[in-house]
């Protein structure tokens, strides 16, 4: 083990560790104080009450202009209620879709792919209706198998990631 008995070297090291002697802190402090003085000098406070009144009237005028602009823009936007109806119909469509079961969603998608409506399916012979129902059941089964496969591979992939991270 090396031991340095030189007291001058130890005092130099201790002086550098003091935060007030750190060159970076000193430079930052100088820059901050210079910026603060510049900011304080650039801010002028109107001393005369007339200047204060002028500033207040300009602020009031700006608020009045903004209020008028908002009122005119509000009047033009309320004339067009179509945006609200499309939003509410989109929300209703989404709510209807989400309230369906996965089998109902798959059936709807299958019928759309084949270009059929529910009324046309009801008018078909029973054999064709059964075939469509079988297709829907097959798709539901495939979807469930995919979900199960994704859940079983996910823990294995997680275990592999954890093992690799441990290495």
N, C-alpha and C. Protein backbone atom coordinates (compact mmCIF):
# COMPACT_ATOMS: atom_id res chain seq x y z
N UNK A 1 0.84 -1.16 0.00
CA UNK A 1 0.00 0.00 0.00
C UNK A 1 0.89 1.23 0.00
N UNK A 2 0.56 2.19 -0.82
CA UNK A 2 1.33 3.42 -0.90
C UNK A 2 0.70 4.46 0.01
N UNK A 3 1.54 5.12 0.79
CA UNK A 3 1.06 6.16 1.68
C UNK A 3 1.84 7.42 1.35
N UNK A 4 1.09 8.50 1.14
CA UNK A 4 1.74 9.76 0.84
C UNK A 4 1.75 10.60 2.11
N UNK A 5 2.94 10.87 2.60
CA UNK A 5 3.06 11.66 3.82
C UNK A 5 3.29 13.13 3.52
N UNK A 6 3.20 13.51 2.27
CA UNK A 6 3.44 14.89 1.89
C UNK A 6 2.21 15.72 2.26
N UNK A 7 2.32 16.57 3.27
CA UNK A 7 1.17 17.35 3.74
C UNK A 7 0.76 18.42 2.74
N UNK A 8 1.71 18.90 1.96
CA UNK A 8 1.37 19.92 0.95
C UNK A 8 0.45 19.33 -0.11
N UNK A 9 0.70 18.11 -0.54
CA UNK A 9 -0.13 17.46 -1.54
C UNK A 9 -1.53 17.20 -0.98
N UNK A 10 -1.60 16.80 0.28
CA UNK A 10 -2.90 16.55 0.90
C UNK A 10 -3.73 17.82 1.01
N UNK A 11 -3.11 18.93 1.37
CA UNK A 11 -3.86 20.18 1.48
C UNK A 11 -4.33 20.66 0.11
N UNK A 12 -3.55 20.41 -0.94
CA UNK A 12 -3.95 20.80 -2.29
C UNK A 12 -5.17 19.99 -2.73
N UNK A 13 -5.17 18.71 -2.42
CA UNK A 13 -6.29 17.86 -2.79
C UNK A 13 -7.53 18.30 -2.02
N UNK A 14 -7.38 18.62 -0.74
CA UNK A 14 -8.51 19.06 0.04
C UNK A 14 -9.06 20.39 -0.46
N UNK A 15 -8.19 21.28 -0.91
CA UNK A 15 -8.66 22.56 -1.42
C UNK A 15 -9.47 22.37 -2.71
N UNK A 16 -9.07 21.45 -3.56
CA UNK A 16 -9.80 21.22 -4.80
C UNK A 16 -11.17 20.60 -4.55
N UNK A 17 -11.33 19.90 -3.43
CA UNK A 17 -12.60 19.27 -3.14
C UNK A 17 -13.61 20.25 -2.56
N UNK A 18 -13.20 21.42 -2.16
CA UNK A 18 -14.13 22.41 -1.64
C UNK A 18 -15.00 22.94 -2.77
N UNK A 19 -16.29 23.01 -2.57
CA UNK A 19 -17.18 23.46 -3.65
C UNK A 19 -16.96 24.91 -4.04
N UNK A 20 -16.52 25.73 -3.09
CA UNK A 20 -16.33 27.13 -3.45
C UNK A 20 -15.04 27.34 -4.24
N UNK A 21 -14.17 26.35 -4.27
CA UNK A 21 -12.92 26.47 -5.01
C UNK A 21 -12.97 25.71 -6.34
N UNK A 22 -14.07 25.03 -6.62
CA UNK A 22 -14.20 24.27 -7.85
C UNK A 22 -14.28 25.24 -9.03
N UNK A 23 -13.45 25.08 -10.06
CA UNK A 23 -13.46 26.02 -11.20
C UNK A 23 -14.79 26.03 -11.95
N UNK A 24 -15.45 24.88 -12.04
CA UNK A 24 -16.72 24.84 -12.76
C UNK A 24 -17.80 25.62 -12.00
N UNK A 25 -17.82 25.46 -10.67
CA UNK A 25 -18.79 26.21 -9.86
C UNK A 25 -18.52 27.71 -9.93
N UNK A 26 -17.26 28.08 -9.90
CA UNK A 26 -16.92 29.50 -9.96
C UNK A 26 -17.36 30.10 -11.30
N UNK A 27 -17.11 29.37 -12.39
CA UNK A 27 -17.50 29.86 -13.71
C UNK A 27 -19.02 29.97 -13.81
N UNK A 28 -19.74 28.96 -13.31
CA UNK A 28 -21.19 28.99 -13.37
C UNK A 28 -21.75 30.13 -12.53
N UNK A 29 -21.15 30.35 -11.37
CA UNK A 29 -21.61 31.44 -10.51
C UNK A 29 -21.40 32.78 -11.18
N UNK A 30 -20.26 32.96 -11.84
CA UNK A 30 -19.97 34.21 -12.54
C UNK A 30 -20.97 34.44 -13.67
N UNK A 31 -21.23 33.40 -14.45
CA UNK A 31 -22.18 33.53 -15.56
C UNK A 31 -23.57 33.84 -15.04
N UNK A 32 -23.98 33.17 -13.96
CA UNK A 32 -25.31 33.40 -13.41
C UNK A 32 -25.45 34.83 -12.89
N UNK A 33 -24.45 35.30 -12.17
CA UNK A 33 -24.56 36.65 -11.62
C UNK A 33 -24.55 37.69 -12.74
N UNK A 34 -23.77 37.46 -13.79
CA UNK A 34 -23.75 38.38 -14.92
C UNK A 34 -25.09 38.40 -15.64
N UNK A 35 -25.69 37.22 -15.84
CA UNK A 35 -27.00 37.15 -16.50
C UNK A 35 -28.06 37.80 -15.63
N UNK A 36 -27.96 37.62 -14.33
CA UNK A 36 -28.93 38.22 -13.42
C UNK A 36 -28.85 39.74 -13.45
N UNK A 37 -27.63 40.27 -13.47
CA UNK A 37 -27.48 41.72 -13.53
C UNK A 37 -28.00 42.27 -14.84
N UNK A 38 -27.75 41.58 -15.94
CA UNK A 38 -28.24 42.02 -17.24
C UNK A 38 -29.76 42.02 -17.26
N UNK A 39 -30.37 40.99 -16.71
CA UNK A 39 -31.83 40.91 -16.69
C UNK A 39 -32.41 42.02 -15.81
N UNK A 40 -31.79 42.28 -14.70
CA UNK A 40 -32.29 43.33 -13.82
C UNK A 40 -32.17 44.70 -14.47
N UNK A 41 -31.12 44.92 -15.22
CA UNK A 41 -30.93 46.21 -15.87
C UNK A 41 -31.90 46.40 -17.04
N UNK A 42 -32.25 45.30 -17.71
CA UNK A 42 -33.12 45.43 -18.88
C UNK A 42 -34.57 45.65 -18.49
N UNK A 43 -34.96 45.27 -17.28
CA UNK A 43 -36.34 45.46 -16.84
C UNK A 43 -36.48 46.89 -16.33
N UNK A 44 -37.41 47.58 -16.96
CA UNK A 44 -37.68 48.94 -16.52
C UNK A 44 -39.10 49.01 -16.01
N UNK A 45 -39.25 49.58 -14.86
CA UNK A 45 -40.57 49.71 -14.26
C UNK A 45 -41.03 51.14 -14.47
N UNK A 46 -42.20 51.31 -15.10
CA UNK A 46 -42.68 52.69 -15.30
C UNK A 46 -42.98 53.33 -13.95
N UNK A 47 -42.39 54.48 -13.76
CA UNK A 47 -42.55 55.18 -12.50
C UNK A 47 -43.73 56.11 -12.54
N UNK A 48 -43.98 56.66 -13.70
CA UNK A 48 -45.04 57.65 -13.84
C UNK A 48 -46.39 56.94 -13.90
N UNK A 49 -47.38 57.41 -13.17
CA UNK A 49 -48.70 56.77 -13.20
C UNK A 49 -49.33 56.79 -14.59
N UNK A 50 -48.99 57.79 -15.41
CA UNK A 50 -49.54 57.83 -16.77
C UNK A 50 -49.09 56.62 -17.56
N UNK A 51 -47.82 56.23 -17.38
CA UNK A 51 -47.32 55.05 -18.09
C UNK A 51 -48.04 53.79 -17.63
N UNK A 52 -48.33 53.72 -16.35
CA UNK A 52 -49.07 52.57 -15.83
C UNK A 52 -50.48 52.52 -16.40
N UNK A 53 -51.11 53.67 -16.50
CA UNK A 53 -52.44 53.72 -17.08
C UNK A 53 -52.44 53.32 -18.54
N UNK A 54 -51.40 53.77 -19.28
CA UNK A 54 -51.30 53.40 -20.70
C UNK A 54 -51.11 51.89 -20.84
N UNK A 55 -50.26 51.31 -20.00
CA UNK A 55 -50.04 49.87 -20.06
C UNK A 55 -51.31 49.10 -19.73
N UNK A 56 -52.02 49.55 -18.72
CA UNK A 56 -53.27 48.88 -18.34
C UNK A 56 -54.31 49.00 -19.45
N UNK A 57 -54.38 50.16 -20.10
CA UNK A 57 -55.36 50.31 -21.17
C UNK A 57 -54.99 49.44 -22.37
N UNK A 58 -53.69 49.28 -22.65
CA UNK A 58 -53.27 48.40 -23.75
C UNK A 58 -53.63 46.94 -23.43
N UNK A 59 -53.47 46.56 -22.19
CA UNK A 59 -53.82 45.18 -21.80
C UNK A 59 -55.32 44.98 -21.93
N UNK A 60 -56.10 45.94 -21.46
CA UNK A 60 -57.55 45.85 -21.58
C UNK A 60 -57.98 45.79 -23.04
N UNK A 61 -57.32 46.57 -23.88
CA UNK A 61 -57.65 46.58 -25.30
C UNK A 61 -57.34 45.22 -25.92
N UNK A 62 -56.22 44.61 -25.55
CA UNK A 62 -55.85 43.30 -26.09
C UNK A 62 -56.87 42.24 -25.66
N UNK A 63 -57.30 42.29 -24.40
CA UNK A 63 -58.31 41.34 -23.94
C UNK A 63 -59.63 41.54 -24.67
N UNK A 64 -60.00 42.78 -24.92
CA UNK A 64 -61.25 43.05 -25.63
C UNK A 64 -61.19 42.50 -27.05
N UNK A 65 -60.06 42.72 -27.72
CA UNK A 65 -59.91 42.19 -29.08
C UNK A 65 -59.99 40.66 -29.07
N UNK A 66 -59.35 40.04 -28.10
CA UNK A 66 -59.38 38.58 -28.02
C UNK A 66 -60.79 38.08 -27.77
N UNK A 67 -61.52 38.76 -26.90
CA UNK A 67 -62.90 38.37 -26.60
C UNK A 67 -63.76 38.46 -27.85
N UNK A 68 -63.61 39.53 -28.62
CA UNK A 68 -64.39 39.69 -29.84
C UNK A 68 -64.05 38.58 -30.84
N UNK A 69 -62.77 38.28 -30.97
CA UNK A 69 -62.36 37.21 -31.90
C UNK A 69 -62.93 35.87 -31.48
N UNK A 70 -62.90 35.60 -30.19
CA UNK A 70 -63.46 34.33 -29.71
C UNK A 70 -64.96 34.26 -29.94
N UNK A 71 -65.66 35.37 -29.73
CA UNK A 71 -67.10 35.36 -29.93
C UNK A 71 -67.45 35.16 -31.39
N UNK A 72 -66.70 35.78 -32.30
CA UNK A 72 -66.99 35.60 -33.72
C UNK A 72 -66.64 34.19 -34.17
N UNK A 73 -65.56 33.63 -33.66
CA UNK A 73 -65.21 32.26 -34.06
C UNK A 73 -66.19 31.27 -33.46
N UNK A 74 -66.69 31.53 -32.27
CA UNK A 74 -67.66 30.66 -31.63
C UNK A 74 -68.98 30.68 -32.40
N UNK A 75 -69.37 31.84 -32.90
CA UNK A 75 -70.60 31.94 -33.67
C UNK A 75 -70.51 31.15 -34.97
N UNK A 76 -69.35 31.15 -35.61
CA UNK A 76 -69.21 30.41 -36.86
C UNK A 76 -69.13 28.92 -36.61
N UNK A 77 -68.57 28.49 -35.49
CA UNK A 77 -68.47 27.05 -35.25
C UNK A 77 -69.79 26.46 -34.77
N UNK A 78 -70.63 27.24 -34.13
CA UNK A 78 -71.91 26.69 -33.67
C UNK A 78 -72.90 26.56 -34.82
N UNK A 79 -72.63 27.21 -35.94
CA UNK A 79 -73.51 27.09 -37.10
C UNK A 79 -73.38 25.73 -37.76
N UNK A 80 -72.33 24.97 -37.46
CA UNK A 80 -72.07 23.70 -38.12
C UNK A 80 -72.21 22.57 -37.10
N UNK A 81 -73.40 22.03 -36.90
CA UNK A 81 -73.57 20.95 -35.92
C UNK A 81 -73.22 19.59 -36.49
N UNK A 82 -72.81 19.49 -37.75
CA UNK A 82 -72.52 18.20 -38.37
C UNK A 82 -71.35 17.51 -37.70
N UNK A 83 -70.39 18.25 -37.21
CA UNK A 83 -69.23 17.65 -36.57
C UNK A 83 -69.65 16.88 -35.33
N UNK A 84 -70.58 17.43 -34.57
CA UNK A 84 -71.04 16.75 -33.36
C UNK A 84 -71.80 15.47 -33.71
N UNK A 85 -72.60 15.51 -34.79
CA UNK A 85 -73.36 14.32 -35.16
C UNK A 85 -72.45 13.22 -35.66
N UNK A 86 -71.38 13.57 -36.37
CA UNK A 86 -70.45 12.53 -36.82
C UNK A 86 -69.69 11.94 -35.65
N UNK A 87 -69.36 12.79 -34.69
CA UNK A 87 -68.66 12.30 -33.50
C UNK A 87 -69.55 11.36 -32.71
N UNK A 88 -70.81 11.75 -32.53
CA UNK A 88 -71.71 10.90 -31.76
C UNK A 88 -72.03 9.62 -32.51
N UNK A 89 -72.15 9.68 -33.84
CA UNK A 89 -72.42 8.44 -34.58
C UNK A 89 -71.20 7.53 -34.57
N UNK A 90 -70.00 8.10 -34.63
CA UNK A 90 -68.79 7.28 -34.54
C UNK A 90 -68.69 6.63 -33.17
N UNK A 91 -69.04 7.39 -32.15
CA UNK A 91 -69.02 6.84 -30.78
C UNK A 91 -70.05 5.72 -30.66
N UNK A 92 -71.22 5.92 -31.24
CA UNK A 92 -72.27 4.89 -31.16
C UNK A 92 -71.83 3.64 -31.92
N UNK A 93 -71.21 3.82 -33.09
CA UNK A 93 -70.72 2.67 -33.85
C UNK A 93 -69.66 1.91 -33.05
N UNK A 94 -68.76 2.64 -32.43
CA UNK A 94 -67.71 2.01 -31.64
C UNK A 94 -68.31 1.26 -30.45
N UNK A 95 -69.26 1.88 -29.78
CA UNK A 95 -69.89 1.23 -28.64
C UNK A 95 -70.62 -0.03 -29.06
N UNK A 96 -71.32 0.04 -30.20
CA UNK A 96 -72.02 -1.14 -30.70
C UNK A 96 -71.03 -2.26 -31.02
N UNK A 97 -69.92 -1.91 -31.66
CA UNK A 97 -68.92 -2.91 -32.04
C UNK A 97 -68.31 -3.56 -30.80
N UNK A 98 -67.99 -2.74 -29.80
CA UNK A 98 -67.34 -3.27 -28.60
C UNK A 98 -68.31 -4.09 -27.74
N UNK A 99 -69.60 -3.87 -27.89
CA UNK A 99 -70.57 -4.63 -27.10
C UNK A 99 -70.80 -6.03 -27.68
N UNK A 100 -70.33 -6.26 -28.90
CA UNK A 100 -70.52 -7.58 -29.53
C UNK A 100 -69.50 -8.57 -28.97
N UNK A 101 -69.89 -9.84 -29.03
CA UNK A 101 -68.98 -10.89 -28.61
C UNK A 101 -67.97 -11.13 -29.73
N UNK A 102 -66.84 -11.77 -29.43
CA UNK A 102 -65.87 -12.07 -30.49
C UNK A 102 -66.47 -12.89 -31.62
N UNK A 103 -67.37 -13.80 -31.29
CA UNK A 103 -68.01 -14.61 -32.34
C UNK A 103 -68.87 -13.74 -33.25
N UNK A 104 -69.59 -12.79 -32.67
CA UNK A 104 -70.41 -11.89 -33.47
C UNK A 104 -69.54 -11.02 -34.37
N UNK A 105 -68.41 -10.56 -33.84
CA UNK A 105 -67.49 -9.75 -34.65
C UNK A 105 -66.94 -10.56 -35.82
N UNK A 106 -66.56 -11.80 -35.52
CA UNK A 106 -66.00 -12.65 -36.58
C UNK A 106 -67.06 -12.95 -37.62
N UNK A 107 -68.30 -13.21 -37.19
CA UNK A 107 -69.39 -13.48 -38.14
C UNK A 107 -69.63 -12.26 -39.03
N UNK A 108 -69.65 -11.08 -38.42
CA UNK A 108 -69.86 -9.87 -39.20
C UNK A 108 -68.73 -9.68 -40.23
N UNK A 109 -67.50 -9.93 -39.81
CA UNK A 109 -66.36 -9.79 -40.72
C UNK A 109 -66.44 -10.82 -41.85
N UNK A 110 -66.80 -12.05 -41.53
CA UNK A 110 -66.92 -13.10 -42.54
C UNK A 110 -67.99 -12.76 -43.56
N UNK A 111 -69.13 -12.28 -43.09
CA UNK A 111 -70.20 -11.92 -44.01
C UNK A 111 -69.79 -10.74 -44.89
N UNK A 112 -69.05 -9.81 -44.33
CA UNK A 112 -68.58 -8.67 -45.11
C UNK A 112 -67.60 -9.12 -46.18
N UNK A 113 -66.72 -10.07 -45.84
CA UNK A 113 -65.76 -10.59 -46.81
C UNK A 113 -66.46 -11.30 -47.96
N UNK A 114 -67.56 -11.98 -47.66
CA UNK A 114 -68.29 -12.71 -48.69
C UNK A 114 -69.33 -11.84 -49.38
N UNK A 115 -69.50 -10.60 -48.91
CA UNK A 115 -70.45 -9.69 -49.54
C UNK A 115 -71.89 -10.02 -49.21
N UNK A 116 -72.13 -10.58 -48.06
CA UNK A 116 -73.48 -10.98 -47.66
C UNK A 116 -73.97 -10.11 -46.51
N UNK A 117 -75.29 -10.03 -46.43
CA UNK A 117 -75.91 -9.35 -45.28
C UNK A 117 -76.57 -10.42 -44.42
N UNK A 118 -76.95 -10.02 -43.23
CA UNK A 118 -77.61 -10.96 -42.31
C UNK A 118 -78.94 -11.43 -42.88
N UNK A 119 -79.65 -10.53 -43.56
CA UNK A 119 -80.95 -10.90 -44.15
C UNK A 119 -80.76 -11.94 -45.26
N UNK A 120 -79.70 -11.78 -46.06
CA UNK A 120 -79.43 -12.75 -47.13
C UNK A 120 -79.08 -14.11 -46.56
N UNK A 121 -78.35 -14.12 -45.44
CA UNK A 121 -77.99 -15.38 -44.80
C UNK A 121 -79.24 -16.07 -44.27
N UNK A 122 -80.16 -15.31 -43.69
CA UNK A 122 -81.41 -15.89 -43.18
C UNK A 122 -82.25 -16.48 -44.31
N UNK A 123 -82.12 -15.92 -45.52
CA UNK A 123 -82.90 -16.41 -46.66
C UNK A 123 -82.27 -17.64 -47.30
N UNK A 124 -81.04 -17.97 -46.94
CA UNK A 124 -80.34 -19.13 -47.53
C UNK A 124 -80.90 -20.43 -46.96
N UNK A 125 -80.63 -21.51 -47.68
CA UNK A 125 -81.02 -22.82 -47.15
C UNK A 125 -80.21 -23.14 -45.88
N UNK A 126 -80.72 -24.05 -45.09
CA UNK A 126 -80.12 -24.37 -43.80
C UNK A 126 -78.69 -24.90 -43.94
N UNK A 127 -78.39 -25.64 -45.03
CA UNK A 127 -77.05 -26.18 -45.21
C UNK A 127 -76.02 -25.06 -45.35
N UNK A 128 -76.36 -24.02 -46.10
CA UNK A 128 -75.43 -22.90 -46.29
C UNK A 128 -75.28 -22.11 -44.99
N UNK A 129 -76.36 -21.97 -44.26
CA UNK A 129 -76.28 -21.28 -42.97
C UNK A 129 -75.37 -22.05 -42.01
N UNK A 130 -75.49 -23.37 -42.03
CA UNK A 130 -74.63 -24.21 -41.19
C UNK A 130 -73.17 -24.10 -41.61
N UNK A 131 -72.94 -23.98 -42.92
CA UNK A 131 -71.56 -23.85 -43.41
C UNK A 131 -70.94 -22.53 -42.94
N UNK A 132 -71.73 -21.47 -42.97
CA UNK A 132 -71.24 -20.17 -42.49
C UNK A 132 -70.99 -20.24 -40.99
N UNK A 133 -71.88 -20.90 -40.25
CA UNK A 133 -71.69 -21.04 -38.81
C UNK A 133 -70.44 -21.86 -38.50
N UNK A 134 -70.17 -22.87 -39.33
CA UNK A 134 -68.96 -23.69 -39.14
C UNK A 134 -67.71 -22.86 -39.41
N UNK A 135 -67.75 -22.02 -40.45
CA UNK A 135 -66.61 -21.14 -40.73
C UNK A 135 -66.36 -20.18 -39.56
N UNK A 136 -67.42 -19.65 -39.00
CA UNK A 136 -67.29 -18.75 -37.86
C UNK A 136 -66.67 -19.50 -36.68
N UNK A 137 -67.15 -20.71 -36.43
CA UNK A 137 -66.62 -21.51 -35.31
C UNK A 137 -65.14 -21.83 -35.52
N UNK A 138 -64.78 -22.13 -36.77
CA UNK A 138 -63.37 -22.42 -37.06
C UNK A 138 -62.49 -21.18 -36.79
N UNK A 139 -62.97 -20.03 -37.21
CA UNK A 139 -62.19 -18.79 -36.99
C UNK A 139 -62.08 -18.46 -35.50
N UNK A 140 -63.16 -18.69 -34.77
CA UNK A 140 -63.12 -18.45 -33.33
C UNK A 140 -62.09 -19.39 -32.69
N UNK A 141 -62.10 -20.64 -33.11
CA UNK A 141 -61.15 -21.61 -32.57
C UNK A 141 -59.71 -21.21 -32.91
N UNK A 142 -59.48 -20.78 -34.16
CA UNK A 142 -58.13 -20.33 -34.55
C UNK A 142 -57.69 -19.14 -33.70
N UNK A 143 -58.58 -18.21 -33.49
CA UNK A 143 -58.24 -17.03 -32.70
C UNK A 143 -57.89 -17.42 -31.27
N UNK A 144 -58.65 -18.34 -30.69
CA UNK A 144 -58.35 -18.79 -29.33
C UNK A 144 -57.01 -19.51 -29.26
N UNK A 145 -56.73 -20.32 -30.28
CA UNK A 145 -55.43 -21.02 -30.32
C UNK A 145 -54.28 -20.03 -30.43
N UNK A 146 -54.47 -18.99 -31.22
CA UNK A 146 -53.42 -17.98 -31.34
C UNK A 146 -53.20 -17.26 -30.02
N UNK A 147 -54.27 -16.98 -29.31
CA UNK A 147 -54.14 -16.31 -28.02
C UNK A 147 -53.43 -17.21 -27.00
N UNK A 148 -53.78 -18.49 -27.01
CA UNK A 148 -53.13 -19.43 -26.09
C UNK A 148 -51.66 -19.57 -26.44
N UNK A 149 -51.35 -19.65 -27.74
CA UNK A 149 -49.96 -19.78 -28.16
C UNK A 149 -49.16 -18.53 -27.78
N UNK A 150 -49.77 -17.38 -27.91
CA UNK A 150 -49.08 -16.14 -27.55
C UNK A 150 -48.81 -16.09 -26.05
N UNK A 151 -49.75 -16.57 -25.25
CA UNK A 151 -49.56 -16.56 -23.80
C UNK A 151 -48.52 -17.57 -23.36
N UNK A 152 -48.44 -18.71 -24.03
CA UNK A 152 -47.46 -19.72 -23.62
C UNK A 152 -46.06 -19.37 -24.08
N UNK A 153 -45.92 -18.71 -25.22
CA UNK A 153 -44.58 -18.34 -25.67
C UNK A 153 -44.08 -17.11 -24.96
N UNK A 154 -44.97 -16.29 -24.46
CA UNK A 154 -44.56 -15.07 -23.77
C UNK A 154 -43.76 -15.36 -22.50
N UNK A 155 -44.20 -16.28 -21.62
CA UNK A 155 -43.38 -16.57 -20.44
C UNK A 155 -42.03 -17.19 -20.80
N UNK A 156 -42.00 -18.01 -21.85
CA UNK A 156 -40.73 -18.61 -22.26
C UNK A 156 -39.78 -17.53 -22.76
N UNK A 157 -40.30 -16.60 -23.54
CA UNK A 157 -39.46 -15.51 -24.03
C UNK A 157 -38.98 -14.65 -22.88
N UNK A 158 -39.84 -14.43 -21.89
CA UNK A 158 -39.46 -13.65 -20.71
C UNK A 158 -38.36 -14.37 -19.95
N UNK A 159 -38.47 -15.70 -19.81
CA UNK A 159 -37.44 -16.46 -19.10
C UNK A 159 -36.11 -16.38 -19.82
N UNK A 160 -36.15 -16.43 -21.14
CA UNK A 160 -34.91 -16.33 -21.93
C UNK A 160 -34.29 -14.94 -21.74
N UNK A 161 -35.12 -13.91 -21.77
CA UNK A 161 -34.61 -12.55 -21.58
C UNK A 161 -33.97 -12.39 -20.20
N UNK A 162 -34.63 -12.95 -19.18
CA UNK A 162 -34.09 -12.85 -17.83
C UNK A 162 -32.78 -13.61 -17.71
N UNK A 163 -32.69 -14.77 -18.35
CA UNK A 163 -31.45 -15.54 -18.31
C UNK A 163 -30.33 -14.79 -19.00
N UNK A 164 -30.62 -14.21 -20.15
CA UNK A 164 -29.60 -13.45 -20.86
C UNK A 164 -29.19 -12.21 -20.08
N UNK A 165 -30.13 -11.58 -19.41
CA UNK A 165 -29.80 -10.41 -18.61
C UNK A 165 -28.93 -10.77 -17.42
N UNK A 166 -29.15 -11.96 -16.87
CA UNK A 166 -28.35 -12.40 -15.73
C UNK A 166 -26.93 -12.71 -16.14
N UNK A 167 -26.74 -13.11 -17.38
CA UNK A 167 -25.38 -13.42 -17.87
C UNK A 167 -24.67 -12.13 -18.09
